[in-house]
Amino acid sequence: MTAEQTILSLTPELSLVIPVYNGSRTIGLVVERIQTVFALMRFEIILVNDGSEDDSELVCAALAKKSPEVITLVHLSRNFGEHNAVLAGLSYSRGQYVAVLDD
């Protein structure tokens, strides 16, 4: 296998960008279900904490720590709004296809 083939085999097929704002109570279940549904696929999850006022950052950090090969956490310094949070997440996506989900 060439280096290029190795890189392509490690590249996610699907990137799931999820803006999170005060979603500490729901994001864990969302991530768990995604991991179950896409278990047979190369995918990544990009969680974008959009300046949440609850403990979403801590919950997202714990999820990313538990699955660092799949989950990337992007933390915005304040609430920039869903559109900007999505754009921030898209800039981190590496998948051939990208989907945006709401928590």
PDB file of N, CA and C in Angstrom:
ATOM      1  N   MET A   1       0.854  -1.172   0.000  1.00  0.00           N
ATOM      2  CA  MET A   1       0.000   0.000   0.000  1.00  0.00           C
ATOM      3  C   MET A   1       0.903   1.239   0.000  1.00  0.00           C
ATOM      4  N   THR A   2       0.594   2.166  -0.891  1.00  0.00           N
ATOM      5  CA  THR A   2       1.385   3.395  -0.957  1.00  0.00           C
ATOM      6  C   THR A   2       0.992   4.331   0.175  1.00  0.00           C
ATOM      7  N   ALA A   3       1.809   5.348   0.399  1.00  0.00           N
ATOM      8  CA  ALA A   3       1.500   6.334   1.442  1.00  0.00           C
ATOM      9  C   ALA A   3       0.181   7.029   1.145  1.00  0.00           C
ATOM     10  N   GLU A   4      -0.067   7.322  -0.122  1.00  0.00           N
ATOM     11  CA  GLU A   4      -1.326   7.978  -0.503  1.00  0.00           C
ATOM     12  C   GLU A   4      -2.522   7.072  -0.221  1.00  0.00           C
ATOM     13  N   GLN A   5      -2.393   5.788  -0.520  1.00  0.00           N
ATOM     14  CA  GLN A   5      -3.477   4.846  -0.243  1.00  0.00           C
ATOM     15  C   GLN A   5      -3.725   4.716   1.257  1.00  0.00           C
ATOM     16  N   THR A   6      -2.652   4.741   2.043  1.00  0.00           N
ATOM     17  CA  THR A   6      -2.790   4.669   3.497  1.00  0.00           C
ATOM     18  C   THR A   6      -3.544   5.875   4.019  1.00  0.00           C
ATOM     19  N   ILE A   7      -3.182   7.054   3.550  1.00  0.00           N
ATOM     20  CA  ILE A   7      -3.861   8.282   3.980  1.00  0.00           C
ATOM     21  C   ILE A   7      -5.331   8.231   3.598  1.00  0.00           C
ATOM     22  N   LEU A   8      -5.622   7.817   2.368  1.00  0.00           N
ATOM     23  CA  LEU A   8      -7.011   7.739   1.933  1.00  0.00           C
ATOM     24  C   LEU A   8      -7.800   6.721   2.741  1.00  0.00           C
ATOM     25  N   SER A   9      -7.167   5.627   3.139  1.00  0.00           N
ATOM     26  CA  SER A   9      -7.880   4.615   3.918  1.00  0.00           C
ATOM     27  C   SER A   9      -8.179   5.102   5.334  1.00  0.00           C
ATOM     28  N   LEU A  10      -7.442   6.090   5.807  1.00  0.00           N
ATOM     29  CA  LEU A  10      -7.667   6.633   7.145  1.00  0.00           C
ATOM     30  C   LEU A  10      -8.576   7.856   7.137  1.00  0.00           C
ATOM     31  N   THR A  11      -8.798   8.427   5.964  1.00  0.00           N
ATOM     32  CA  THR A  11      -9.647   9.607   5.848  1.00  0.00           C
ATOM     33  C   THR A  11     -11.100   9.210   6.077  1.00  0.00           C
ATOM     34  N   PRO A  12     -11.815   9.962   6.904  1.00  0.00           N
ATOM     35  CA  PRO A  12     -13.221   9.624   7.146  1.00  0.00           C
ATOM     36  C   PRO A  12     -14.056   9.746   5.871  1.00  0.00           C
ATOM     37  N   GLU A  13     -15.005   8.852   5.720  1.00  0.00           N
ATOM     38  CA  GLU A  13     -15.970   8.981   4.629  1.00  0.00           C
ATOM     39  C   GLU A  13     -16.947  10.112   4.944  1.00  0.00           C
ATOM     40  N   LEU A  14     -17.274  10.247   6.219  1.00  0.00           N
ATOM     41  CA  LEU A  14     -18.309  11.183   6.630  1.00  0.00           C
ATOM     42  C   LEU A  14     -17.849  12.007   7.819  1.00  0.00           C
ATOM     43  N   SER A  15     -18.044  13.306   7.715  1.00  0.00           N
ATOM     44  CA  SER A  15     -17.817  14.213   8.847  1.00  0.00           C
ATOM     45  C   SER A  15     -19.173  14.700   9.326  1.00  0.00           C
ATOM     46  N   LEU A  16     -19.408  14.600  10.614  1.00  0.00           N
ATOM     47  CA  LEU A  16     -20.644  15.086  11.222  1.00  0.00           C
ATOM     48  C   LEU A  16     -20.299  16.291  12.084  1.00  0.00           C
ATOM     49  N   VAL A  17     -20.766  17.454  11.678  1.00  0.00           N
ATOM     50  CA  VAL A  17     -20.512  18.693  12.408  1.00  0.00           C
ATOM     51  C   VAL A  17     -21.735  18.973  13.275  1.00  0.00           C
ATOM     52  N   ILE A  18     -21.489  19.134  14.575  1.00  0.00           N
ATOM     53  CA  ILE A  18     -22.594  19.359  15.510  1.00  0.00           C
ATOM     54  C   ILE A  18     -22.315  20.605  16.334  1.00  0.00           C
ATOM     55  N   PRO A  19     -23.019  21.719  16.049  1.00  0.00           N
ATOM     56  CA  PRO A  19     -22.891  22.883  16.920  1.00  0.00           C
ATOM     57  C   PRO A  19     -23.625  22.597  18.229  1.00  0.00           C
ATOM     58  N   VAL A  20     -22.998  22.944  19.331  1.00  0.00           N
ATOM     59  CA  VAL A  20     -23.577  22.661  20.648  1.00  0.00           C
ATOM     60  C   VAL A  20     -23.709  23.966  21.414  1.00  0.00           C
ATOM     61  N   TYR A  21     -24.926  24.281  21.829  1.00  0.00           N
ATOM     62  CA  TYR A  21     -25.153  25.438  22.691  1.00  0.00           C
ATOM     63  C   TYR A  21     -26.069  24.995  23.819  1.00  0.00           C
ATOM     64  N   ASN A  22     -25.531  24.973  25.018  1.00  0.00           N
ATOM     65  CA  ASN A  22     -26.278  24.537  26.208  1.00  0.00           C
ATOM     66  C   ASN A  22     -26.933  23.163  25.991  1.00  0.00           C
ATOM     67  N   GLY A  23     -26.160  22.256  25.423  1.00  0.00           N
ATOM     68  CA  GLY A  23     -26.682  20.927  25.124  1.00  0.00           C
ATOM     69  C   GLY A  23     -26.096  19.829  25.990  1.00  0.00           C
ATOM     70  N   SER A  24     -25.655  20.184  27.181  1.00  0.00           N
ATOM     71  CA  SER A  24     -24.975  19.196  28.029  1.00  0.00           C
ATOM     72  C   SER A  24     -25.853  17.994  28.370  1.00  0.00           C
ATOM     73  N   ARG A  25     -27.161  18.180  28.410  1.00  0.00           N
ATOM     74  CA  ARG A  25     -28.052  17.075  28.781  1.00  0.00           C
ATOM     75  C   ARG A  25     -28.319  16.116  27.624  1.00  0.00           C
ATOM     76  N   THR A  26     -28.086  16.569  26.388  1.00  0.00           N
ATOM     77  CA  THR A  26     -28.455  15.741  25.239  1.00  0.00           C
ATOM     78  C   THR A  26     -27.280  15.260  24.393  1.00  0.00           C
ATOM     79  N   ILE A  27     -26.167  15.959  24.412  1.00  0.00           N
ATOM     80  CA  ILE A  27     -25.091  15.671  23.465  1.00  0.00           C
ATOM     81  C   ILE A  27     -24.486  14.275  23.658  1.00  0.00           C
ATOM     82  N   GLY A  28     -24.427  13.796  24.870  1.00  0.00           N
ATOM     83  CA  GLY A  28     -23.890  12.454  25.113  1.00  0.00           C
ATOM     84  C   GLY A  28     -24.698  11.382  24.403  1.00  0.00           C
ATOM     85  N   LEU A  29     -26.009  11.477  24.489  1.00  0.00           N
ATOM     86  CA  LEU A  29     -26.886  10.508  23.826  1.00  0.00           C
ATOM     87  C   LEU A  29     -26.781  10.633  22.307  1.00  0.00           C
ATOM     88  N   VAL A  30     -26.703  11.859  21.811  1.00  0.00           N
ATOM     89  CA  VAL A  30     -26.558  12.078  20.365  1.00  0.00           C
ATOM     90  C   VAL A  30     -25.290  11.390  19.859  1.00  0.00           C
ATOM     91  N   VAL A  31     -24.177  11.615  20.542  1.00  0.00           N
ATOM     92  CA  VAL A  31     -22.897  11.020  20.138  1.00  0.00           C
ATOM     93  C   VAL A  31     -22.958   9.496  20.233  1.00  0.00           C
ATOM     94  N   GLU A  32     -23.538   8.992  21.296  1.00  0.00           N
ATOM     95  CA  GLU A  32     -23.656   7.535  21.464  1.00  0.00           C
ATOM     96  C   GLU A  32     -24.431   6.908  20.312  1.00  0.00           C
ATOM     97  N   ARG A  33     -25.527   7.528  19.938  1.00  0.00           N
ATOM     98  CA  ARG A  33     -26.347   6.982  18.844  1.00  0.00           C
ATOM     99  C   ARG A  33     -25.623   7.071  17.503  1.00  0.00           C
ATOM    100  N   ILE A  34     -24.910   8.164  17.284  1.00  0.00           N
ATOM    101  CA  ILE A  34     -24.127   8.291  16.047  1.00  0.00           C
ATOM    102  C   ILE A  34     -23.096   7.176  15.973  1.00  0.00           C
ATOM    103  N   GLN A  35     -22.393   6.942  17.075  1.00  0.00           N
ATOM    104  CA  GLN A  35     -21.355   5.913  17.082  1.00  0.00           C
ATOM    105  C   GLN A  35     -21.943   4.523  16.839  1.00  0.00           C
ATOM    106  N   THR A  36     -23.145   4.285  17.305  1.00  0.00           N
ATOM    107  CA  THR A  36     -23.809   3.004  17.071  1.00  0.00           C
ATOM    108  C   THR A  36     -24.222   2.861  15.608  1.00  0.00           C
ATOM    109  N   VAL A  37     -24.856   3.881  15.073  1.00  0.00           N
ATOM    110  CA  VAL A  37     -25.372   3.827  13.699  1.00  0.00           C
ATOM    111  C   VAL A  37     -24.249   3.733  12.665  1.00  0.00           C
ATOM    112  N   PHE A  38     -23.165   4.463  12.888  1.00  0.00           N
ATOM    113  CA  PHE A  38     -22.088   4.522  11.899  1.00  0.00           C
ATOM    114  C   PHE A  38     -20.886   3.646  12.265  1.00  0.00           C
ATOM    115  N   ALA A  39     -21.083   2.664  13.106  1.00  0.00           N
ATOM    116  CA  ALA A  39     -19.981   1.831  13.608  1.00  0.00           C
ATOM    117  C   ALA A  39     -19.181   1.144  12.503  1.00  0.00           C
ATOM    118  N   LEU A  40     -19.806   0.826  11.402  1.00  0.00           N
ATOM    119  CA  LEU A  40     -19.122   0.112  10.321  1.00  0.00           C
ATOM    120  C   LEU A  40     -18.562   1.053   9.255  1.00  0.00           C
ATOM    121  N   MET A  41     -18.544   2.326   9.547  1.00  0.00           N
ATOM    122  CA  MET A  41     -18.117   3.333   8.576  1.00  0.00           C
ATOM    123  C   MET A  41     -16.973   4.159   9.158  1.00  0.00           C
ATOM    124  N   ARG A  42     -16.124   4.691   8.298  1.00  0.00           N
ATOM    125  CA  ARG A  42     -15.104   5.639   8.760  1.00  0.00           C
ATOM    126  C   ARG A  42     -15.773   7.006   8.859  1.00  0.00           C
ATOM    127  N   PHE A  43     -15.869   7.523  10.061  1.00  0.00           N
ATOM    128  CA  PHE A  43     -16.545   8.804  10.265  1.00  0.00           C
ATOM    129  C   PHE A  43     -15.827   9.583  11.349  1.00  0.00           C
ATOM    130  N   GLU A  44     -16.136  10.862  11.407  1.00  0.00           N
ATOM    131  CA  GLU A  44     -15.642  11.711  12.480  1.00  0.00           C
ATOM    132  C   GLU A  44     -16.786  12.598  12.945  1.00  0.00           C
ATOM    133  N   ILE A  45     -16.691  13.004  14.199  1.00  0.00           N
ATOM    134  CA  ILE A  45     -17.663  13.925  14.784  1.00  0.00           C
ATOM    135  C   ILE A  45     -16.902  15.173  15.199  1.00  0.00           C
ATOM    136  N   ILE A  46     -17.382  16.320  14.756  1.00  0.00           N
ATOM    137  CA  ILE A  46     -16.792  17.589  15.171  1.00  0.00           C
ATOM    138  C   ILE A  46     -17.829  18.302  16.023  1.00  0.00           C
ATOM    139  N   LEU A  47     -17.557  18.377  17.314  1.00  0.00           N
ATOM    140  CA  LEU A  47     -18.434  19.078  18.248  1.00  0.00           C
ATOM    141  C   LEU A  47     -17.934  20.511  18.366  1.00  0.00           C
ATOM    142  N   VAL A  48     -18.820  21.471  18.158  1.00  0.00           N
ATOM    143  CA  VAL A  48     -18.447  22.881  18.258  1.00  0.00           C
ATOM    144  C   VAL A  48     -19.222  23.491  19.416  1.00  0.00           C
ATOM    145  N   ASN A  49     -18.520  23.734  20.519  1.00  0.00           N
ATOM    146  CA  ASN A  49     -19.152  24.371  21.671  1.00  0.00           C
ATOM    147  C   ASN A  49     -19.248  25.866  21.379  1.00  0.00           C
ATOM    148  N   ASP A  50     -20.462  26.339  21.181  1.00  0.00           N
ATOM    149  CA  ASP A  50     -20.711  27.723  20.779  1.00  0.00           C
ATOM    150  C   ASP A  50     -20.921  28.625  21.993  1.00  0.00           C
ATOM    151  N   GLY A  51     -19.925  28.667  22.867  1.00  0.00           N
ATOM    152  CA  GLY A  51     -19.992  29.546  24.033  1.00  0.00           C
ATOM    153  C   GLY A  51     -21.100  29.186  25.001  1.00  0.00           C
ATOM    154  N   SER A  52     -21.336  27.912  25.187  1.00  0.00           N
ATOM    155  CA  SER A  52     -22.411  27.456  26.078  1.00  0.00           C
ATOM    156  C   SER A  52     -22.250  28.013  27.483  1.00  0.00           C
ATOM    157  N   GLU A  53     -23.387  28.237  28.130  1.00  0.00           N
ATOM    158  CA  GLU A  53     -23.398  28.750  29.503  1.00  0.00           C
ATOM    159  C   GLU A  53     -23.567  27.631  30.525  1.00  0.00           C
ATOM    160  N   ASP A  54     -23.854  26.422  30.057  1.00  0.00           N
ATOM    161  CA  ASP A  54     -23.949  25.277  30.967  1.00  0.00           C
ATOM    162  C   ASP A  54     -22.620  24.516  30.922  1.00  0.00           C
ATOM    163  N   ASP A  55     -22.624  23.263  31.288  1.00  0.00           N
ATOM    164  CA  ASP A  55     -21.366  22.511  31.302  1.00  0.00           C
ATOM    165  C   ASP A  55     -21.144  21.701  30.017  1.00  0.00           C
ATOM    166  N   SER A  56     -21.657  22.211  28.907  1.00  0.00           N
ATOM    167  CA  SER A  56     -21.471  21.542  27.613  1.00  0.00           C
ATOM    168  C   SER A  56     -20.007  21.346  27.266  1.00  0.00           C
ATOM    169  N   GLU A  57     -19.180  22.336  27.566  1.00  0.00           N
ATOM    170  CA  GLU A  57     -17.758  22.214  27.243  1.00  0.00           C
ATOM    171  C   GLU A  57     -17.142  21.017  27.963  1.00  0.00           C
ATOM    172  N   LEU A  58     -17.468  20.841  29.229  1.00  0.00           N
ATOM    173  CA  LEU A  58     -16.932  19.712  29.992  1.00  0.00           C
ATOM    174  C   LEU A  58     -17.443  18.382  29.462  1.00  0.00           C
ATOM    175  N   VAL A  59     -18.720  18.329  29.141  1.00  0.00           N
ATOM    176  CA  VAL A  59     -19.309  17.096  28.614  1.00  0.00           C
ATOM    177  C   VAL A  59     -18.675  16.755  27.266  1.00  0.00           C
ATOM    178  N   CYS A  60     -18.551  17.749  26.400  1.00  0.00           N
ATOM    179  CA  CYS A  60     -17.944  17.523  25.080  1.00  0.00           C
ATOM    180  C   CYS A  60     -16.478  17.118  25.211  1.00  0.00           C
ATOM    181  N   ALA A  61     -15.765  17.743  26.135  1.00  0.00           N
ATOM    182  CA  ALA A  61     -14.353  17.396  26.352  1.00  0.00           C
ATOM    183  C   ALA A  61     -14.225  15.946  26.817  1.00  0.00           C
ATOM    184  N   ALA A  62     -15.122  15.511  27.682  1.00  0.00           N
ATOM    185  CA  ALA A  62     -15.096  14.121  28.149  1.00  0.00           C
ATOM    186  C   ALA A  62     -15.382  13.154  26.999  1.00  0.00           C
ATOM    187  N   LEU A  63     -16.317  13.516  26.135  1.00  0.00           N
ATOM    188  CA  LEU A  63     -16.617  12.671  24.976  1.00  0.00           C
ATOM    189  C   LEU A  63     -15.414  12.586  24.039  1.00  0.00           C
ATOM    190  N   ALA A  64     -14.768  13.728  23.797  1.00  0.00           N
ATOM    191  CA  ALA A  64     -13.594  13.760  22.919  1.00  0.00           C
ATOM    192  C   ALA A  64     -12.436  12.973  23.521  1.00  0.00           C
ATOM    193  N   LYS A  65     -12.290  13.048  24.831  1.00  0.00           N
ATOM    194  CA  LYS A  65     -11.217  12.307  25.502  1.00  0.00           C
ATOM    195  C   LYS A  65     -11.463  10.797  25.421  1.00  0.00           C
ATOM    196  N   LYS A  66     -12.727  10.415  25.496  1.00  0.00           N
ATOM    197  CA  LYS A  66     -13.094   8.997  25.447  1.00  0.00           C
ATOM    198  C   LYS A  66     -12.887   8.404  24.045  1.00  0.00           C
ATOM    199  N   SER A  67     -13.081   9.222  23.006  1.00  0.00           N
ATOM    200  CA  SER A  67     -12.962   8.740  21.617  1.00  0.00           C
ATOM    201  C   SER A  67     -12.163   9.727  20.767  1.00  0.00           C
ATOM    202  N   PRO A  68     -10.886   9.949  21.099  1.00  0.00           N
ATOM    203  CA  PRO A  68     -10.113  10.976  20.381  1.00  0.00           C
ATOM    204  C   PRO A  68      -9.888  10.664  18.905  1.00  0.00           C
ATOM    205  N   GLU A  69      -9.980   9.392  18.526  1.00  0.00           N
ATOM    206  CA  GLU A  69      -9.791   9.036  17.124  1.00  0.00           C
ATOM    207  C   GLU A  69     -11.003   9.399  16.273  1.00  0.00           C
ATOM    208  N   VAL A  70     -12.131   9.681  16.920  1.00  0.00           N
ATOM    209  CA  VAL A  70     -13.378   9.963  16.209  1.00  0.00           C
ATOM    210  C   VAL A  70     -13.878  11.385  16.458  1.00  0.00           C
ATOM    211  N   ILE A  71     -13.696  11.895  17.677  1.00  0.00           N
ATOM    212  CA  ILE A  71     -14.314  13.166  18.069  1.00  0.00           C
ATOM    213  C   ILE A  71     -13.279  14.272  18.192  1.00  0.00           C
ATOM    214  N   THR A  72     -13.588  15.392  17.544  1.00  0.00           N
ATOM    215  CA  THR A  72     -12.797  16.613  17.664  1.00  0.00           C
ATOM    216  C   THR A  72     -13.671  17.651  18.342  1.00  0.00           C
ATOM    217  N   LEU A  73     -13.118  18.359  19.314  1.00  0.00           N
ATOM    218  CA  LEU A  73     -13.851  19.420  20.001  1.00  0.00           C
ATOM    219  C   LEU A  73     -13.282  20.765  19.591  1.00  0.00           C
ATOM    220  N   VAL A  74     -14.168  21.631  19.144  1.00  0.00           N
ATOM    221  CA  VAL A  74     -13.822  23.012  18.823  1.00  0.00           C
ATOM    222  C   VAL A  74     -14.561  23.873  19.833  1.00  0.00           C
ATOM    223  N   HIS A  75     -13.833  24.734  20.527  1.00  0.00           N
ATOM    224  CA  HIS A  75     -14.462  25.591  21.532  1.00  0.00           C
ATOM    225  C   HIS A  75     -14.402  27.041  21.072  1.00  0.00           C
ATOM    226  N   LEU A  76     -15.563  27.672  20.955  1.00  0.00           N
ATOM    227  CA  LEU A  76     -15.622  29.091  20.606  1.00  0.00           C
ATOM    228  C   LEU A  76     -15.648  29.909  21.892  1.00  0.00           C
ATOM    229  N   SER A  77     -14.958  31.033  21.892  1.00  0.00           N
ATOM    230  CA  SER A  77     -14.773  31.831  23.107  1.00  0.00           C
ATOM    231  C   SER A  77     -16.057  32.469  23.622  1.00  0.00           C
ATOM    232  N   ARG A  78     -17.032  32.611  22.744  1.00  0.00           N
ATOM    233  CA  ARG A  78     -18.333  33.158  23.142  1.00  0.00           C
ATOM    234  C   ARG A  78     -19.376  32.603  22.178  1.00  0.00           C
ATOM    235  N   ASN A  79     -20.621  32.963  22.384  1.00  0.00           N
ATOM    236  CA  ASN A  79     -21.685  32.508  21.500  1.00  0.00           C
ATOM    237  C   ASN A  79     -21.660  33.334  20.212  1.00  0.00           C
ATOM    238  N   PHE A  80     -21.293  32.685  19.114  1.00  0.00           N
ATOM    239  CA  PHE A  80     -21.244  33.350  17.813  1.00  0.00           C
ATOM    240  C   PHE A  80     -22.472  33.035  16.965  1.00  0.00           C
ATOM    241  N   GLY A  81     -23.328  32.143  17.428  1.00  0.00           N
ATOM    242  CA  GLY A  81     -24.514  31.752  16.677  1.00  0.00           C
ATOM    243  C   GLY A  81     -24.284  30.467  15.899  1.00  0.00           C
ATOM    244  N   GLU A  82     -25.385  29.808  15.598  1.00  0.00           N
ATOM    245  CA  GLU A  82     -25.307  28.490  14.969  1.00  0.00           C
ATOM    246  C   GLU A  82     -24.577  28.519  13.624  1.00  0.00           C
ATOM    247  N   HIS A  83     -24.868  29.504  12.792  1.00  0.00           N
ATOM    248  CA  HIS A  83     -24.240  29.569  11.468  1.00  0.00           C
ATOM    249  C   HIS A  83     -22.719  29.621  11.580  1.00  0.00           C
ATOM    250  N   ASN A  84     -22.213  30.495  12.430  1.00  0.00           N
ATOM    251  CA  ASN A  84     -20.764  30.615  12.595  1.00  0.00           C
ATOM    252  C   ASN A  84     -20.158  29.378  13.257  1.00  0.00           C
ATOM    253  N   ALA A  85     -20.897  28.759  14.162  1.00  0.00           N
ATOM    254  CA  ALA A  85     -20.413  27.519  14.778  1.00  0.00           C
ATOM    255  C   ALA A  85     -20.301  26.415  13.726  1.00  0.00           C
ATOM    256  N   VAL A  86     -21.269  26.340  12.836  1.00  0.00           N
ATOM    257  CA  VAL A  86     -21.218  25.355  11.751  1.00  0.00           C
ATOM    258  C   VAL A  86     -20.013  25.625  10.851  1.00  0.00           C
ATOM    259  N   LEU A  87     -19.805  26.891  10.484  1.00  0.00           N
ATOM    260  CA  LEU A  87     -18.656  27.233   9.634  1.00  0.00           C
ATOM    261  C   LEU A  87     -17.340  26.858  10.307  1.00  0.00           C
ATOM    262  N   ALA A  88     -17.246  27.098  11.610  1.00  0.00           N
ATOM    263  CA  ALA A  88     -16.032  26.718  12.343  1.00  0.00           C
ATOM    264  C   ALA A  88     -15.836  25.206  12.280  1.00  0.00           C
ATOM    265  N   GLY A  89     -16.899  24.452  12.485  1.00  0.00           N
ATOM    266  CA  GLY A  89     -16.807  22.997  12.425  1.00  0.00           C
ATOM    267  C   GLY A  89     -16.445  22.497  11.040  1.00  0.00           C
ATOM    268  N   LEU A  90     -17.000  23.115  10.011  1.00  0.00           N
ATOM    269  CA  LEU A  90     -16.684  22.713   8.641  1.00  0.00           C
ATOM    270  C   LEU A  90     -15.203  22.881   8.337  1.00  0.00           C
ATOM    271  N   SER A  91     -14.590  23.891   8.938  1.00  0.00           N
ATOM    272  CA  SER A  91     -13.163  24.118   8.675  1.00  0.00           C
ATOM    273  C   SER A  91     -12.290  22.996   9.254  1.00  0.00           C
ATOM    274  N   TYR A  92     -12.822  22.218  10.184  1.00  0.00           N
ATOM    275  CA  TYR A  92     -12.093  21.086  10.764  1.00  0.00           C
ATOM    276  C   TYR A  92     -12.439  19.757  10.098  1.00  0.00           C
ATOM    277  N   SER A  93     -13.458  19.738   9.268  1.00  0.00           N
ATOM    278  CA  SER A  93     -13.922  18.471   8.694  1.00  0.00           C
ATOM    279  C   SER A  93     -12.939  17.947   7.652  1.00  0.00           C
ATOM    280  N   ARG A  94     -12.806  16.611   7.623  1.00  0.00           N
ATOM    281  CA  ARG A  94     -11.882  15.952   6.697  1.00  0.00           C
ATOM    282  C   ARG A  94     -12.586  14.919   5.827  1.00  0.00           C
ATOM    283  N   GLY A  95     -13.854  14.699   6.057  1.00  0.00           N
ATOM    284  CA  GLY A  95     -14.570  13.638   5.359  1.00  0.00           C
ATOM    285  C   GLY A  95     -14.866  13.952   3.907  1.00  0.00           C
ATOM    286  N   GLN A  96     -15.099  12.883   3.154  1.00  0.00           N
ATOM    287  CA  GLN A  96     -15.500  13.040   1.764  1.00  0.00           C
ATOM    288  C   GLN A  96     -16.877  13.696   1.696  1.00  0.00           C
ATOM    289  N   TYR A  97     -17.719  13.377   2.656  1.00  0.00           N
ATOM    290  CA  TYR A  97     -19.055  13.953   2.765  1.00  0.00           C
ATOM    291  C   TYR A  97     -19.179  14.597   4.136  1.00  0.00           C
ATOM    292  N   VAL A  98     -20.001  15.644   4.206  1.00  0.00           N
ATOM    293  CA  VAL A  98     -20.193  16.359   5.467  1.00  0.00           C
ATOM    294  C   VAL A  98     -21.686  16.523   5.712  1.00  0.00           C
ATOM    295  N   ALA A  99     -22.094  16.290   6.952  1.00  0.00           N
ATOM    296  CA  ALA A  99     -23.470  16.534   7.365  1.00  0.00           C
ATOM    297  C   ALA A  99     -23.440  17.397   8.617  1.00  0.00           C
ATOM    298  N   VAL A 100     -24.416  18.272   8.720  1.00  0.00           N
ATOM    299  CA  VAL A 100     -24.553  19.126   9.898  1.00  0.00           C
ATOM    300  C   VAL A 100     -25.765  18.629  10.667  1.00  0.00           C
ATOM    301  N   LEU A 101     -25.565  18.383  11.958  1.00  0.00           N
ATOM    302  CA  LEU A 101     -26.642  17.907  12.826  1.00  0.00           C
ATOM    303  C   LEU A 101     -26.875  18.904  13.940  1.00  0.00           C
ATOM    304  N   ASP A 102     -28.067  18.888  14.476  1.00  0.00           N
ATOM    305  CA  ASP A 102     -28.383  19.710  15.640  1.00  0.00           C
ATOM    306  C   ASP A 102     -28.443  18.789  16.848  1.00  0.00           C
ATOM    307  N   ASP A 103     -27.920  19.274  17.975  1.00  0.00           N
ATOM    308  CA  ASP A 103     -27.955  18.426  19.169  1.00  0.00           C
ATOM    309  C   ASP A 103     -29.330  18.479  19.780  1.00  0.00           C
TER     310      ASP A 103
END
